[in-house]
Amino acid sequence: MNFGVPKVVGFLHAIRSIFADVLGDDNDPNPELPAGLPDVVAAVATEAVNRLIDYQGPGYAQLYVARLRRFIGRRNVDDALFAEIARLLALRMAYDDAIRMAQLKLAEAEARRGVPPDDIRKLRLDELVLLLPETVADYALWVLEYPGWLHLSVTMRFSAASRLRRRRLRIEASLKRWRLSSLRYARERAWVERWLHIIDRSLTKQPAAVAAVVATAEIVGGHGDGYVQSLKDWNLIVDDLIKPTLEGALSCPDLADAITKARAAVSSDPRQETLKRVIAGIRERAADGIGA
């Protein structure tokens, strides 16, 4: 009896699995929407699943569906709110990186006759470094931080004006196979989970504010300096207003109104002076027992 054959077969299977992970091959089946989704939510989710399959693959779309399941049958989640969660979740999971920009320009070129105009985007050097695997990106960020190069502006042209440029787009778009191993994805995943967590907490602690908490996802988006600024603004509102209220450290009975006022104070100011002033005023009135 040849005891070596099963070992060899198992070894080859392991090697193939390793290469599949490295290359980002996604052989997962397309996800099915879970039972119990309201019709309006199912319509949004169907479009989102198709978008995320195009963005990354069926496995990534399955993660989207799994995240939606936690809100099925939840108290204080009506159809409109659930649909908004589904919409914003898909929007944030298909975040705007250089790979996505190449994907969209390539799709535009393949769908239209003629030569589409070039897309010129201003990104940041650290934004491109974040596309590297976590271990490599962490080291690269550390190296670039010393001379102060992390925030350098990088102009990228996404063009399909020639055969050579379309080939370049295909190469850039194909990098999506490594997206889920990147530091950028790790950070985006953590952001989404934190957003979902504060929605969960709000449903329990401040159900009247859930819609406002969900809508805070609209703050975050874009690329380059604008994206970094939007993320800072969102974190400031969550850390100084939403989180302390949900944890009972801040008495803010009308949290929805407080969030609305804070969002209205968001601007392009990197020092966040207006936003900080508004949040400080809300916290001061809450401390005095007046409320937001």
C-alpha atoms as a PDB file:
ATOM      1  CA  MET A   1       0.000   0.000   0.000  1.00  0.00           C
ATOM      2  CA  ASN A   2       1.362   3.414  -0.943  1.00  0.00           C
ATOM      3  CA  PHE A   3       1.022   5.666   2.063  1.00  0.00           C
ATOM      4  CA  GLY A   4       2.887   8.496   0.316  1.00  0.00           C
ATOM      5  CA  VAL A   5       0.219   9.333  -2.274  1.00  0.00           C
ATOM      6  CA  PRO A   6      -2.355  10.853   0.132  1.00  0.00           C
ATOM      7  CA  LYS A   7       0.386  12.929   1.720  1.00  0.00           C
ATOM      8  CA  VAL A   8       1.505  14.259  -1.670  1.00  0.00           C
ATOM      9  CA  VAL A   9      -2.066  15.027  -2.713  1.00  0.00           C
ATOM     10  CA  GLY A  10      -2.696  16.826   0.577  1.00  0.00           C
ATOM     11  CA  PHE A  11       0.536  18.766   0.184  1.00  0.00           C
ATOM     12  CA  LEU A  12      -0.363  19.869  -3.354  1.00  0.00           C
ATOM     13  CA  HIS A  13      -3.824  20.895  -2.196  1.00  0.00           C
ATOM     14  CA  ALA A  14      -2.266  23.012   0.549  1.00  0.00           C
ATOM     15  CA  ILE A  15       0.086  24.659  -1.961  1.00  0.00           C
ATOM     16  CA  ARG A  16      -2.817  25.452  -4.273  1.00  0.00           C
ATOM     17  CA  SER A  17      -4.745  26.952  -1.362  1.00  0.00           C
ATOM     18  CA  ILE A  18      -1.788  29.128  -0.412  1.00  0.00           C
ATOM     19  CA  PHE A  19      -1.427  30.418  -3.976  1.00  0.00           C
ATOM     20  CA  ALA A  20      -5.178  31.020  -4.188  1.00  0.00           C
ATOM     21  CA  ASP A  21      -4.958  33.195  -1.073  1.00  0.00           C
ATOM     22  CA  VAL A  22      -1.932  35.088  -2.380  1.00  0.00           C
ATOM     23  CA  LEU A  23      -3.465  35.673  -5.799  1.00  0.00           C
ATOM     24  CA  GLY A  24      -6.814  36.606  -4.343  1.00  0.00           C
ATOM     25  CA  ASP A  25      -8.736  34.009  -6.332  1.00  0.00           C
ATOM     26  CA  ASP A  26     -12.388  34.135  -5.322  1.00  0.00           C
ATOM     27  CA  ASN A  27     -14.247  30.960  -6.205  1.00  0.00           C
ATOM     28  CA  ASP A  28     -17.024  31.517  -3.688  1.00  0.00           C
ATOM     29  CA  PRO A  29     -20.583  31.318  -5.014  1.00  0.00           C
ATOM     30  CA  ASN A  30     -22.623  34.475  -5.352  1.00  0.00           C
ATOM     31  CA  PRO A  31     -24.390  35.155  -2.057  1.00  0.00           C
ATOM     32  CA  GLU A  32     -28.105  34.726  -1.609  1.00  0.00           C
ATOM     33  CA  LEU A  33     -30.041  37.375   0.264  1.00  0.00           C
ATOM     34  CA  PRO A  34     -31.234  36.138   3.646  1.00  0.00           C
ATOM     35  CA  ALA A  35     -34.885  35.466   4.296  1.00  0.00           C
ATOM     36  CA  GLY A  36     -36.734  38.167   6.152  1.00  0.00           C
ATOM     37  CA  LEU A  37     -35.393  41.177   4.276  1.00  0.00           C
ATOM     38  CA  PRO A  38     -38.135  43.735   3.557  1.00  0.00           C
ATOM     39  CA  ASP A  39     -38.709  44.328  -0.151  1.00  0.00           C
ATOM     40  CA  VAL A  40     -37.219  47.807  -0.120  1.00  0.00           C
ATOM     41  CA  VAL A  41     -34.098  46.499   1.626  1.00  0.00           C
ATOM     42  CA  ALA A  42     -33.828  43.527  -0.738  1.00  0.00           C
ATOM     43  CA  ALA A  43     -33.830  45.911  -3.721  1.00  0.00           C
ATOM     44  CA  VAL A  44     -30.977  47.947  -2.236  1.00  0.00           C
ATOM     45  CA  ALA A  45     -29.072  44.818  -1.181  1.00  0.00           C
ATOM     46  CA  THR A  46     -29.376  43.200  -4.610  1.00  0.00           C
ATOM     47  CA  GLU A  47     -27.790  46.205  -6.262  1.00  0.00           C
ATOM     48  CA  ALA A  48     -25.146  46.340  -3.525  1.00  0.00           C
ATOM     49  CA  VAL A  49     -24.226  42.664  -3.943  1.00  0.00           C
ATOM     50  CA  ASN A  50     -23.699  43.142  -7.690  1.00  0.00           C
ATOM     51  CA  ARG A  51     -21.577  46.197  -7.001  1.00  0.00           C
ATOM     52  CA  LEU A  52     -19.410  44.428  -4.442  1.00  0.00           C
ATOM     53  CA  ILE A  53     -18.922  41.394  -6.660  1.00  0.00           C
ATOM     54  CA  ASP A  54     -17.584  43.743  -9.317  1.00  0.00           C
ATOM     55  CA  TYR A  55     -15.550  45.595  -6.704  1.00  0.00           C
ATOM     56  CA  GLN A  56     -13.890  42.577  -5.104  1.00  0.00           C
ATOM     57  CA  GLY A  57     -15.697  39.272  -5.671  1.00  0.00           C
ATOM     58  CA  PRO A  58     -18.475  37.002  -4.358  1.00  0.00           C
ATOM     59  CA  GLY A  59     -16.721  36.330  -1.055  1.00  0.00           C
ATOM     60  CA  TYR A  60     -16.648  40.030  -0.281  1.00  0.00           C
ATOM     61  CA  ALA A  61     -20.328  40.327  -1.176  1.00  0.00           C
ATOM     62  CA  GLN A  62     -21.025  37.463   1.246  1.00  0.00           C
ATOM     63  CA  LEU A  63     -19.439  39.535   4.008  1.00  0.00           C
ATOM     64  CA  TYR A  64     -21.867  42.341   3.147  1.00  0.00           C
ATOM     65  CA  VAL A  65     -24.837  39.972   3.418  1.00  0.00           C
ATOM     66  CA  ALA A  66     -23.552  38.607   6.735  1.00  0.00           C
ATOM     67  CA  ARG A  67     -23.332  42.133   8.123  1.00  0.00           C
ATOM     68  CA  LEU A  68     -26.909  42.839   7.071  1.00  0.00           C
ATOM     69  CA  ARG A  69     -28.221  39.770   8.902  1.00  0.00           C
ATOM     70  CA  ARG A  70     -27.632  41.328  12.306  1.00  0.00           C
ATOM     71  CA  PHE A  71     -30.431  43.834  11.678  1.00  0.00           C
ATOM     72  CA  ILE A  72     -33.139  41.418  10.513  1.00  0.00           C
ATOM     73  CA  GLY A  73     -36.023  41.518  12.945  1.00  0.00           C
ATOM     74  CA  ARG A  74     -34.324  44.047  15.203  1.00  0.00           C
ATOM     75  CA  ARG A  75     -36.534  46.261  17.295  1.00  0.00           C
ATOM     76  CA  ASN A  76     -36.561  49.951  16.288  1.00  0.00           C
ATOM     77  CA  VAL A  77     -35.281  49.140  12.776  1.00  0.00           C
ATOM     78  CA  ASP A  78     -38.014  50.011  10.304  1.00  0.00           C
ATOM     79  CA  ASP A  79     -37.781  49.354   6.565  1.00  0.00           C
ATOM     80  CA  ALA A  80     -36.520  52.836   5.670  1.00  0.00           C
ATOM     81  CA  LEU A  81     -33.759  52.738   8.284  1.00  0.00           C
ATOM     82  CA  PHE A  82     -32.750  49.215   7.283  1.00  0.00           C
ATOM     83  CA  ALA A  83     -32.555  50.266   3.626  1.00  0.00           C
ATOM     84  CA  GLU A  84     -30.342  53.208   4.559  1.00  0.00           C
ATOM     85  CA  ILE A  85     -28.026  50.937   6.538  1.00  0.00           C
ATOM     86  CA  ALA A  86     -27.823  48.621   3.522  1.00  0.00           C
ATOM     87  CA  ARG A  87     -27.071  51.513   1.169  1.00  0.00           C
ATOM     88  CA  LEU A  88     -24.393  53.154   3.286  1.00  0.00           C
ATOM     89  CA  LEU A  89     -22.780  49.827   4.184  1.00  0.00           C
ATOM     90  CA  ALA A  90     -22.290  49.017   0.505  1.00  0.00           C
ATOM     91  CA  LEU A  91     -20.996  52.526  -0.152  1.00  0.00           C
ATOM     92  CA  ARG A  92     -18.362  52.261   2.558  1.00  0.00           C
ATOM     93  CA  MET A  93     -17.342  48.699   1.672  1.00  0.00           C
ATOM     94  CA  ALA A  94     -16.673  49.836  -1.906  1.00  0.00           C
ATOM     95  CA  TYR A  95     -14.305  52.546  -0.724  1.00  0.00           C
ATOM     96  CA  ASP A  96     -12.498  54.760  -3.181  1.00  0.00           C
ATOM     97  CA  ASP A  97      -8.883  53.668  -3.689  1.00  0.00           C
ATOM     98  CA  ALA A  98      -6.553  53.808  -6.693  1.00  0.00           C
ATOM     99  CA  ILE A  99      -7.526  50.268  -7.666  1.00  0.00           C
ATOM    100  CA  ARG A 100     -11.203  51.239  -7.779  1.00  0.00           C
ATOM    101  CA  MET A 101     -10.412  54.314  -9.845  1.00  0.00           C
ATOM    102  CA  ALA A 102      -8.714  52.102 -12.427  1.00  0.00           C
ATOM    103  CA  GLN A 103     -11.633  49.651 -12.346  1.00  0.00           C
ATOM    104  CA  LEU A 104     -14.185  52.389 -13.008  1.00  0.00           C
ATOM    105  CA  LYS A 105     -12.197  54.044 -15.789  1.00  0.00           C
ATOM    106  CA  LEU A 106     -11.667  50.678 -17.489  1.00  0.00           C
ATOM    107  CA  ALA A 107     -15.382  49.857 -17.225  1.00  0.00           C
ATOM    108  CA  GLU A 108     -16.229  53.274 -18.639  1.00  0.00           C
ATOM    109  CA  ALA A 109     -13.875  52.738 -21.576  1.00  0.00           C
ATOM    110  CA  GLU A 110     -15.330  49.302 -22.344  1.00  0.00           C
ATOM    111  CA  ALA A 111     -18.922  50.551 -22.175  1.00  0.00           C
ATOM    112  CA  ARG A 112     -18.550  53.614 -24.400  1.00  0.00           C
ATOM    113  CA  ARG A 113     -17.355  54.232 -27.923  1.00  0.00           C
ATOM    114  CA  GLY A 114     -14.687  56.791 -28.561  1.00  0.00           C
ATOM    115  CA  VAL A 115     -12.027  57.914 -26.124  1.00  0.00           C
ATOM    116  CA  PRO A 116     -13.311  58.920 -22.689  1.00  0.00           C
ATOM    117  CA  PRO A 117     -11.588  61.895 -21.043  1.00  0.00           C
ATOM    118  CA  ASP A 118      -8.753  61.298 -18.632  1.00  0.00           C
ATOM    119  CA  ASP A 119      -9.385  61.233 -14.894  1.00  0.00           C
ATOM    120  CA  ILE A 120      -6.683  63.048 -12.965  1.00  0.00           C
ATOM    121  CA  ARG A 121      -6.768  62.411  -9.224  1.00  0.00           C
ATOM    122  CA  LYS A 122      -4.667  63.878  -6.455  1.00  0.00           C
ATOM    123  CA  LEU A 123      -3.872  61.198  -3.917  1.00  0.00           C
ATOM    124  CA  ARG A 124      -1.462  61.087  -0.997  1.00  0.00           C
ATOM    125  CA  LEU A 125       1.683  59.032  -0.775  1.00  0.00           C
ATOM    126  CA  ASP A 126       0.522  57.307   2.412  1.00  0.00           C
ATOM    127  CA  GLU A 127      -2.764  56.492   0.653  1.00  0.00           C
ATOM    128  CA  LEU A 128      -0.840  54.499  -1.948  1.00  0.00           C
ATOM    129  CA  VAL A 129       1.384  52.858   0.666  1.00  0.00           C
ATOM    130  CA  LEU A 130      -1.726  51.626   2.473  1.00  0.00           C
ATOM    131  CA  LEU A 131      -2.462  49.406  -0.552  1.00  0.00           C
ATOM    132  CA  LEU A 132       0.516  47.254   0.433  1.00  0.00           C
ATOM    133  CA  PRO A 133       0.183  44.222   2.741  1.00  0.00           C
ATOM    134  CA  GLU A 134      -0.039  45.182   6.407  1.00  0.00           C
ATOM    135  CA  THR A 135       3.464  44.140   7.450  1.00  0.00           C
ATOM    136  CA  VAL A 136       5.098  45.892   4.489  1.00  0.00           C
ATOM    137  CA  ALA A 137       2.885  48.990   4.734  1.00  0.00           C
ATOM    138  CA  ASP A 138       3.594  49.477   8.440  1.00  0.00           C
ATOM    139  CA  TYR A 139       7.332  49.514   7.791  1.00  0.00           C
ATOM    140  CA  ALA A 140       7.022  51.770   4.720  1.00  0.00           C
ATOM    141  CA  LEU A 141       4.897  54.267   6.645  1.00  0.00           C
ATOM    142  CA  TRP A 142       7.465  54.325   9.434  1.00  0.00           C
ATOM    143  CA  VAL A 143      10.286  55.001   6.935  1.00  0.00           C
ATOM    144  CA  LEU A 144       8.373  57.750   5.104  1.00  0.00           C
ATOM    145  CA  GLU A 145       7.281  59.467   8.296  1.00  0.00           C
ATOM    146  CA  TYR A 146      10.847  60.379   9.300  1.00  0.00           C
ATOM    147  CA  PRO A 147      11.512  62.782   6.370  1.00  0.00           C
ATOM    148  CA  GLY A 148       7.892  63.990   6.494  1.00  0.00           C
ATOM    149  CA  TRP A 149       6.850  62.490   3.155  1.00  0.00           C
ATOM    150  CA  LEU A 150       3.679  60.725   4.246  1.00  0.00           C
ATOM    151  CA  HIS A 151       1.382  63.556   3.206  1.00  0.00           C
ATOM    152  CA  LEU A 152       3.047  64.281  -0.128  1.00  0.00           C
ATOM    153  CA  SER A 153       0.570  64.780  -2.963  1.00  0.00           C
ATOM    154  CA  VAL A 154       0.736  62.267  -5.810  1.00  0.00           C
ATOM    155  CA  THR A 155      -1.024  63.037  -9.099  1.00  0.00           C
ATOM    156  CA  MET A 156      -2.317  59.953 -10.887  1.00  0.00           C
ATOM    157  CA  ARG A 157      -3.769  59.881 -14.393  1.00  0.00           C
ATOM    158  CA  PHE A 158      -6.352  57.233 -15.197  1.00  0.00           C
ATOM    159  CA  SER A 159      -6.665  57.179 -18.958  1.00  0.00           C
ATOM    160  CA  ALA A 160      -8.018  54.849 -21.640  1.00  0.00           C
ATOM    161  CA  ALA A 161      -6.967  57.068 -24.513  1.00  0.00           C
ATOM    162  CA  SER A 162      -4.651  54.464 -26.042  1.00  0.00           C
ATOM    163  CA  ARG A 163      -4.065  50.727 -26.088  1.00  0.00           C
ATOM    164  CA  LEU A 164      -1.019  51.123 -23.855  1.00  0.00           C
ATOM    165  CA  ARG A 165      -2.955  53.150 -21.291  1.00  0.00           C
ATOM    166  CA  ARG A 166      -5.789  50.635 -21.264  1.00  0.00           C
ATOM    167  CA  ARG A 167      -3.269  47.898 -20.608  1.00  0.00           C
ATOM    168  CA  ARG A 168      -1.968  49.906 -17.683  1.00  0.00           C
ATOM    169  CA  LEU A 169      -5.535  50.280 -16.368  1.00  0.00           C
ATOM    170  CA  ARG A 170      -6.015  46.517 -16.549  1.00  0.00           C
ATOM    171  CA  ILE A 171      -2.837  45.965 -14.554  1.00  0.00           C
ATOM    172  CA  GLU A 172      -3.900  48.508 -11.925  1.00  0.00           C
ATOM    173  CA  ALA A 173      -7.422  47.082 -11.730  1.00  0.00           C
ATOM    174  CA  SER A 174      -6.062  43.531 -11.369  1.00  0.00           C
ATOM    175  CA  LEU A 175      -4.395  44.562  -8.115  1.00  0.00           C
ATOM    176  CA  LYS A 176      -7.790  44.085  -6.454  1.00  0.00           C
ATOM    177  CA  ARG A 177      -6.720  40.476  -5.834  1.00  0.00           C
ATOM    178  CA  TRP A 178      -4.408  41.771  -3.098  1.00  0.00           C
ATOM    179  CA  ARG A 179      -6.768  44.421  -1.736  1.00  0.00           C
ATOM    180  CA  LEU A 180      -8.034  42.339   1.181  1.00  0.00           C
ATOM    181  CA  SER A 181      -4.503  41.778   2.465  1.00  0.00           C
ATOM    182  CA  SER A 182      -3.714  45.506   2.465  1.00  0.00           C
ATOM    183  CA  LEU A 183      -3.407  47.793   5.464  1.00  0.00           C
ATOM    184  CA  ARG A 184      -6.048  50.055   3.914  1.00  0.00           C
ATOM    185  CA  TYR A 185      -8.574  47.224   3.971  1.00  0.00           C
ATOM    186  CA  ALA A 186      -7.716  46.393   7.586  1.00  0.00           C
ATOM    187  CA  ARG A 187      -8.459  49.982   8.540  1.00  0.00           C
ATOM    188  CA  GLU A 188     -11.641  50.150   6.473  1.00  0.00           C
ATOM    189  CA  ARG A 189     -12.851  46.883   8.025  1.00  0.00           C
ATOM    190  CA  ALA A 190     -12.247  48.291  11.513  1.00  0.00           C
ATOM    191  CA  TRP A 191     -14.127  51.477  10.587  1.00  0.00           C
ATOM    192  CA  VAL A 192     -17.171  49.572   9.294  1.00  0.00           C
ATOM    193  CA  GLU A 193     -17.291  47.367  12.377  1.00  0.00           C
ATOM    194  CA  ARG A 194     -17.104  50.401  14.657  1.00  0.00           C
ATOM    195  CA  TRP A 195     -19.937  52.090  12.747  1.00  0.00           C
ATOM    196  CA  LEU A 196     -22.076  48.952  13.008  1.00  0.00           C
ATOM    197  CA  HIS A 197     -21.238  48.707  16.718  1.00  0.00           C
ATOM    198  CA  ILE A 198     -22.424  52.223  17.541  1.00  0.00           C
ATOM    199  CA  ILE A 199     -25.612  51.532  15.573  1.00  0.00           C
ATOM    200  CA  ASP A 200     -26.151  48.457  17.764  1.00  0.00           C
ATOM    201  CA  ARG A 201     -25.500  50.480  20.929  1.00  0.00           C
ATOM    202  CA  SER A 202     -27.803  53.260  19.809  1.00  0.00           C
ATOM    203  CA  LEU A 203     -30.633  50.802  19.167  1.00  0.00           C
ATOM    204  CA  THR A 204     -30.390  49.823  22.831  1.00  0.00           C
ATOM    205  CA  LYS A 205     -29.468  53.099  24.509  1.00  0.00           C
ATOM    206  CA  GLN A 206     -30.866  55.851  22.268  1.00  0.00           C
ATOM    207  CA  PRO A 207     -33.231  54.417  19.647  1.00  0.00           C
ATOM    208  CA  ALA A 208     -34.489  57.897  18.718  1.00  0.00           C
ATOM    209  CA  ALA A 209     -30.969  58.758  17.543  1.00  0.00           C
ATOM    210  CA  VAL A 210     -30.329  55.647  15.432  1.00  0.00           C
ATOM    211  CA  ALA A 211     -31.118  57.301  12.092  1.00  0.00           C
ATOM    212  CA  ALA A 212     -28.700  60.145  12.880  1.00  0.00           C
ATOM    213  CA  VAL A 213     -26.009  57.669  13.932  1.00  0.00           C
ATOM    214  CA  VAL A 214     -26.467  55.685  10.714  1.00  0.00           C
ATOM    215  CA  ALA A 215     -26.269  58.870   8.620  1.00  0.00           C
ATOM    216  CA  THR A 216     -22.849  59.761  10.041  1.00  0.00           C
ATOM    217  CA  ALA A 217     -21.385  57.341   7.475  1.00  0.00           C
ATOM    218  CA  GLU A 218     -22.086  60.007   4.858  1.00  0.00           C
ATOM    219  CA  ILE A 219     -19.344  62.115   6.411  1.00  0.00           C
ATOM    220  CA  VAL A 220     -16.620  59.682   5.341  1.00  0.00           C
ATOM    221  CA  GLY A 221     -15.617  59.320   1.716  1.00  0.00           C
ATOM    222  CA  GLY A 222     -13.524  60.483  -1.187  1.00  0.00           C
ATOM    223  CA  HIS A 223      -9.771  60.242  -1.524  1.00  0.00           C
ATOM    224  CA  GLY A 224      -6.628  62.171  -0.771  1.00  0.00           C
ATOM    225  CA  ASP A 225      -6.685  64.947   1.822  1.00  0.00           C
ATOM    226  CA  GLY A 226     -10.482  65.082   1.688  1.00  0.00           C
ATOM    227  CA  TYR A 227     -10.794  61.464   2.777  1.00  0.00           C
ATOM    228  CA  VAL A 228      -8.327  61.883   5.636  1.00  0.00           C
ATOM    229  CA  GLN A 229     -10.181  64.979   6.827  1.00  0.00           C
ATOM    230  CA  SER A 230     -13.577  63.268   6.640  1.00  0.00           C
ATOM    231  CA  LEU A 231     -12.293  60.375   8.716  1.00  0.00           C
ATOM    232  CA  LYS A 232     -10.928  62.760  11.373  1.00  0.00           C
ATOM    233  CA  ASP A 233     -14.258  64.580  11.537  1.00  0.00           C
ATOM    234  CA  TRP A 234     -16.210  61.345  11.922  1.00  0.00           C
ATOM    235  CA  ASN A 235     -13.929  60.064  14.674  1.00  0.00           C
ATOM    236  CA  LEU A 236     -14.189  63.376  16.541  1.00  0.00           C
ATOM    237  CA  ILE A 237     -17.995  63.263  16.503  1.00  0.00           C
ATOM    238  CA  VAL A 238     -18.022  59.628  17.616  1.00  0.00           C
ATOM    239  CA  ASP A 239     -15.321  59.943  20.289  1.00  0.00           C
ATOM    240  CA  ASP A 240     -16.461  63.244  21.835  1.00  0.00           C
ATOM    241  CA  LEU A 241     -20.229  63.024  21.363  1.00  0.00           C
ATOM    242  CA  ILE A 242     -21.800  59.707  20.377  1.00  0.00           C
ATOM    243  CA  LYS A 243     -19.642  57.245  22.324  1.00  0.00           C
ATOM    244  CA  PRO A 244     -19.718  59.104  25.680  1.00  0.00           C
ATOM    245  CA  THR A 245     -23.486  59.541  25.371  1.00  0.00           C
ATOM    246  CA  LEU A 246     -24.117  55.863  24.669  1.00  0.00           C
ATOM    247  CA  GLU A 247     -21.797  54.881  27.513  1.00  0.00           C
ATOM    248  CA  GLY A 248     -23.544  57.220  29.964  1.00  0.00           C
ATOM    249  CA  ALA A 249     -20.542  59.497  30.468  1.00  0.00           C
ATOM    250  CA  LEU A 250     -22.367  62.401  28.797  1.00  0.00           C
ATOM    251  CA  SER A 251     -25.999  63.342  29.430  1.00  0.00           C
ATOM    252  CA  CYS A 252     -27.322  64.185  25.981  1.00  0.00           C
ATOM    253  CA  PRO A 253     -31.020  63.251  25.821  1.00  0.00           C
ATOM    254  CA  ASP A 254     -31.470  64.543  22.247  1.00  0.00           C
ATOM    255  CA  LEU A 255     -28.465  62.886  20.668  1.00  0.00           C
ATOM    256  CA  ALA A 256     -29.971  63.042  17.177  1.00  0.00           C
ATOM    257  CA  ASP A 257     -30.160  66.839  17.304  1.00  0.00           C
ATOM    258  CA  ALA A 258     -26.623  67.032  18.685  1.00  0.00           C
ATOM    259  CA  ILE A 259     -25.302  64.883  15.826  1.00  0.00           C
ATOM    260  CA  THR A 260     -27.146  67.035  13.286  1.00  0.00           C
ATOM    261  CA  LYS A 261     -25.565  70.189  14.708  1.00  0.00           C
ATOM    262  CA  ALA A 262     -22.125  68.592  14.729  1.00  0.00           C
ATOM    263  CA  ARG A 263     -22.453  67.439  11.122  1.00  0.00           C
ATOM    264  CA  ALA A 264     -23.466  70.951  10.083  1.00  0.00           C
ATOM    265  CA  ALA A 265     -20.191  72.194  11.581  1.00  0.00           C
ATOM    266  CA  VAL A 266     -18.030  69.859   9.499  1.00  0.00           C
ATOM    267  CA  SER A 267     -15.814  71.824   7.136  1.00  0.00           C
ATOM    268  CA  SER A 268     -12.550  71.513   5.231  1.00  0.00           C
ATOM    269  CA  ASP A 269     -10.606  73.046   8.117  1.00  0.00           C
ATOM    270  CA  PRO A 270      -7.880  70.530   9.053  1.00  0.00           C
ATOM    271  CA  ARG A 271      -7.765  72.024  12.572  1.00  0.00           C
ATOM    272  CA  GLN A 272     -11.499  71.322  13.002  1.00  0.00           C
ATOM    273  CA  GLU A 273     -11.948  74.575  14.953  1.00  0.00           C
ATOM    274  CA  THR A 274     -15.653  75.036  14.149  1.00  0.00           C
ATOM    275  CA  LEU A 275     -16.503  71.387  14.765  1.00  0.00           C
ATOM    276  CA  LYS A 276     -14.584  71.308  18.040  1.00  0.00           C
ATOM    277  CA  ARG A 277     -16.290  74.513  19.185  1.00  0.00           C
ATOM    278  CA  VAL A 278     -19.769  73.170  18.418  1.00  0.00           C
ATOM    279  CA  ILE A 279     -19.101  69.853  20.165  1.00  0.00           C
ATOM    280  CA  ALA A 280     -17.618  71.670  23.157  1.00  0.00           C
ATOM    281  CA  GLY A 281     -20.773  73.790  23.381  1.00  0.00           C
ATOM    282  CA  ILE A 282     -22.988  70.694  23.261  1.00  0.00           C
ATOM    283  CA  ARG A 283     -20.945  69.014  25.975  1.00  0.00           C
ATOM    284  CA  GLU A 284     -21.012  72.143  28.142  1.00  0.00           C
ATOM    285  CA  ARG A 285     -24.795  72.468  27.904  1.00  0.00           C
ATOM    286  CA  ALA A 286     -25.170  68.740  28.611  1.00  0.00           C
ATOM    287  CA  ALA A 287     -22.985  69.129  31.711  1.00  0.00           C
ATOM    288  CA  ASP A 288     -25.208  71.989  32.881  1.00  0.00           C
ATOM    289  CA  GLY A 289     -28.266  69.776  32.498  1.00  0.00           C
ATOM    290  CA  ILE A 290     -29.686  71.763  29.587  1.00  0.00           C
ATOM    291  CA  GLY A 291     -29.163  69.019  27.011  1.00  0.00           C
ATOM    292  CA  ALA A 292     -27.924  69.319  23.444  1.00  0.00           C
END
